Structures are given as structure tokens and as C-alpha cells.
């Protein structure tokens, strides 16, 4: 399946207290608040921002000047990456 949009959100993370069979904990993403968003569509990278007041609210995606991010109709892939990961098209 081909995606028309790939949206990458920079999020803070913390370690869960749950351990898997090997004894490792897993990171949990904080998806309330705000952070950097990068939208890839039509061969272009658009830098923006995501925000969400609480977990029960919808996420809002805007450009750096505050206008809504515009998505192509179709499939959108969403990637959550830790804050320390640099997002780039290269």
C-alpha cells in the first residue's frame, strides 16, 4: 500500500514499568501537549506543529505560521519519534 502522506510527530517518551518476556521495558509516547510535526507529501517536506490539549481531544496539525497542514486525499502514515531523533527527508 502506498501512502500519499507521511506525518512524523516528535514526541516525548518515558519507559513503561511493564517488562516483556526478555525483561525489557518499552517506551511510551506522550501524545498530549504539543510538538514538532513534519509532513511529507508530493515530494515536499512541510514543517509544522501538532497539538492536543488532552487524550480525549483530537490532534490539530498546523504549519509554523498557524495555518492548517494540508494533506493529500488517501492513505496517511503516522510515525511517532522520540524528541532526540532528527527528522529529515535525506
C-alpha atoms as a PDB file:
ATOM      1  CA  UNK A   1       0.000   0.000   0.000  1.00  0.00           C
ATOM      2  CA  UNK A   2       1.353   3.424  -0.973  1.00  0.00           C
ATOM      3  CA  UNK A   3       0.880   6.447   1.288  1.00  0.00           C
ATOM      4  CA  UNK A   4       0.028   9.864  -0.105  1.00  0.00           C
ATOM      5  CA  UNK A   5       1.105  11.468   3.180  1.00  0.00           C
ATOM      6  CA  UNK A   6       3.685  10.568   5.795  1.00  0.00           C
ATOM      7  CA  UNK A   7       3.320  12.572   9.000  1.00  0.00           C
ATOM      8  CA  UNK A   8       6.137  12.382  11.560  1.00  0.00           C
ATOM      9  CA  UNK A   9       5.443  13.674  15.067  1.00  0.00           C
ATOM     10  CA  UNK A  10       8.211  14.390  17.572  1.00  0.00           C
ATOM     11  CA  UNK A  11       7.008  13.272  20.995  1.00  0.00           C
ATOM     12  CA  UNK A  12       8.454  12.917  24.459  1.00  0.00           C
ATOM     13  CA  UNK A  13       8.668   9.371  25.769  1.00  0.00           C
ATOM     14  CA  UNK A  14       9.072   7.577  29.057  1.00  0.00           C
ATOM     15  CA  UNK A  15       9.776   3.970  29.973  1.00  0.00           C
ATOM     16  CA  UNK A  16       6.878   1.757  30.960  1.00  0.00           C
ATOM     17  CA  UNK A  17       7.022  -0.306  34.109  1.00  0.00           C
ATOM     18  CA  UNK A  18       5.793  -3.385  32.220  1.00  0.00           C
ATOM     19  CA  UNK A  19       8.505  -5.856  31.214  1.00  0.00           C
ATOM     20  CA  UNK A  20       8.398  -8.180  28.224  1.00  0.00           C
ATOM     21  CA  UNK A  21       9.458 -11.859  28.327  1.00  0.00           C
ATOM     22  CA  UNK A  22      13.116 -10.830  27.986  1.00  0.00           C
ATOM     23  CA  UNK A  23      12.808  -8.382  30.896  1.00  0.00           C
ATOM     24  CA  UNK A  24      12.953  -5.208  28.798  1.00  0.00           C
ATOM     25  CA  UNK A  25      10.720  -2.203  29.281  1.00  0.00           C
ATOM     26  CA  UNK A  26       9.237  -0.354  26.330  1.00  0.00           C
ATOM     27  CA  UNK A  27       8.938   3.359  25.646  1.00  0.00           C
ATOM     28  CA  UNK A  28       5.547   5.029  25.851  1.00  0.00           C
ATOM     29  CA  UNK A  29       4.843   8.132  23.784  1.00  0.00           C
ATOM     30  CA  UNK A  30       3.238  11.202  25.340  1.00  0.00           C
ATOM     31  CA  UNK A  31       0.643  12.279  22.773  1.00  0.00           C
ATOM     32  CA  UNK A  32      -0.989  15.128  24.675  1.00  0.00           C
ATOM     33  CA  UNK A  33       0.606  18.550  24.607  1.00  0.00           C
ATOM     34  CA  UNK A  34       2.404  19.819  21.520  1.00  0.00           C
ATOM     35  CA  UNK A  35       5.472  19.292  19.413  1.00  0.00           C
ATOM     36  CA  UNK A  36       7.085  19.408  16.003  1.00  0.00           C
ATOM     37  CA  UNK A  37       5.378  17.796  13.018  1.00  0.00           C
ATOM     38  CA  UNK A  38       6.888  17.073   9.605  1.00  0.00           C
ATOM     39  CA  UNK A  39       4.577  16.246   6.705  1.00  0.00           C
ATOM     40  CA  UNK A  40       5.948  14.586   3.581  1.00  0.00           C
ATOM     41  CA  UNK A  41       3.646  14.761   0.550  1.00  0.00           C
ATOM     42  CA  UNK A  42       4.046  15.315  -3.182  1.00  0.00           C
ATOM     43  CA  UNK A  43       7.825  15.164  -2.814  1.00  0.00           C
ATOM     44  CA  UNK A  44       7.799  18.117  -0.418  1.00  0.00           C
ATOM     45  CA  UNK A  45       8.630  18.384   3.273  1.00  0.00           C
ATOM     46  CA  UNK A  46       6.410  20.746   5.293  1.00  0.00           C
ATOM     47  CA  UNK A  47       7.463  21.658   8.841  1.00  0.00           C
ATOM     48  CA  UNK A  48       4.643  22.237  11.278  1.00  0.00           C
ATOM     49  CA  UNK A  49       3.321  21.599  14.743  1.00  0.00           C
ATOM     50  CA  UNK A  50       0.963  19.141  16.388  1.00  0.00           C
ATOM     51  CA  UNK A  51      -1.094  19.959  19.468  1.00  0.00           C
ATOM     52  CA  UNK A  52      -3.594  18.135  21.622  1.00  0.00           C
ATOM     53  CA  UNK A  53      -4.994  19.532  24.854  1.00  0.00           C
ATOM     54  CA  UNK A  54      -5.782  16.121  26.361  1.00  0.00           C
ATOM     55  CA  UNK A  55      -6.028  12.486  25.331  1.00  0.00           C
ATOM     56  CA  UNK A  56      -9.770  12.887  24.772  1.00  0.00           C
ATOM     57  CA  UNK A  57      -9.266  15.781  22.314  1.00  0.00           C
ATOM     58  CA  UNK A  58      -8.416  15.439  18.628  1.00  0.00           C
ATOM     59  CA  UNK A  59      -4.930  16.318  17.420  1.00  0.00           C
ATOM     60  CA  UNK A  60      -4.541  19.555  15.488  1.00  0.00           C
ATOM     61  CA  UNK A  61      -1.846  19.916  12.815  1.00  0.00           C
ATOM     62  CA  UNK A  62      -0.697  23.372  11.714  1.00  0.00           C
ATOM     63  CA  UNK A  63       2.144  24.950   9.753  1.00  0.00           C
ATOM     64  CA  UNK A  64       4.742  27.085  11.503  1.00  0.00           C
ATOM     65  CA  UNK A  65       2.597  30.170  10.747  1.00  0.00           C
ATOM     66  CA  UNK A  66      -0.546  28.592  12.225  1.00  0.00           C
ATOM     67  CA  UNK A  67      -2.487  27.578   9.103  1.00  0.00           C
ATOM     68  CA  UNK A  68      -3.796  24.004   8.864  1.00  0.00           C
ATOM     69  CA  UNK A  69      -1.462  21.398   7.387  1.00  0.00           C
ATOM     70  CA  UNK A  70      -2.944  20.260   4.085  1.00  0.00           C
ATOM     71  CA  UNK A  71      -2.986  16.534   3.383  1.00  0.00           C
ATOM     72  CA  UNK A  72      -3.456  14.791   0.041  1.00  0.00           C
ATOM     73  CA  UNK A  73      -6.586  12.638  -0.051  1.00  0.00           C
ATOM     74  CA  UNK A  74      -5.754   8.998   0.544  1.00  0.00           C
ATOM     75  CA  UNK A  75      -3.601   6.960   2.881  1.00  0.00           C
ATOM     76  CA  UNK A  76      -1.644   8.726   5.633  1.00  0.00           C
ATOM     77  CA  UNK A  77       1.114   7.008   7.590  1.00  0.00           C
ATOM     78  CA  UNK A  78       1.769   8.399  11.055  1.00  0.00           C
ATOM     79  CA  UNK A  79       5.154   7.949  12.714  1.00  0.00           C
ATOM     80  CA  UNK A  80       5.906   8.877  16.330  1.00  0.00           C
ATOM     81  CA  UNK A  81       9.587   9.522  17.005  1.00  0.00           C
ATOM     82  CA  UNK A  82      11.357  10.487  20.237  1.00  0.00           C
ATOM     83  CA  UNK A  83      12.388  14.138  20.609  1.00  0.00           C
ATOM     84  CA  UNK A  84      16.075  13.321  20.230  1.00  0.00           C
ATOM     85  CA  UNK A  85      15.593  11.837  16.734  1.00  0.00           C
ATOM     86  CA  UNK A  86      16.265  14.273  13.875  1.00  0.00           C
ATOM     87  CA  UNK A  87      13.658  14.036  11.101  1.00  0.00           C
ATOM     88  CA  UNK A  88      14.943  14.577   7.571  1.00  0.00           C
ATOM     89  CA  UNK A  89      13.968  13.711   4.011  1.00  0.00           C
ATOM     90  CA  UNK A  90      17.535  12.579   3.247  1.00  0.00           C
END
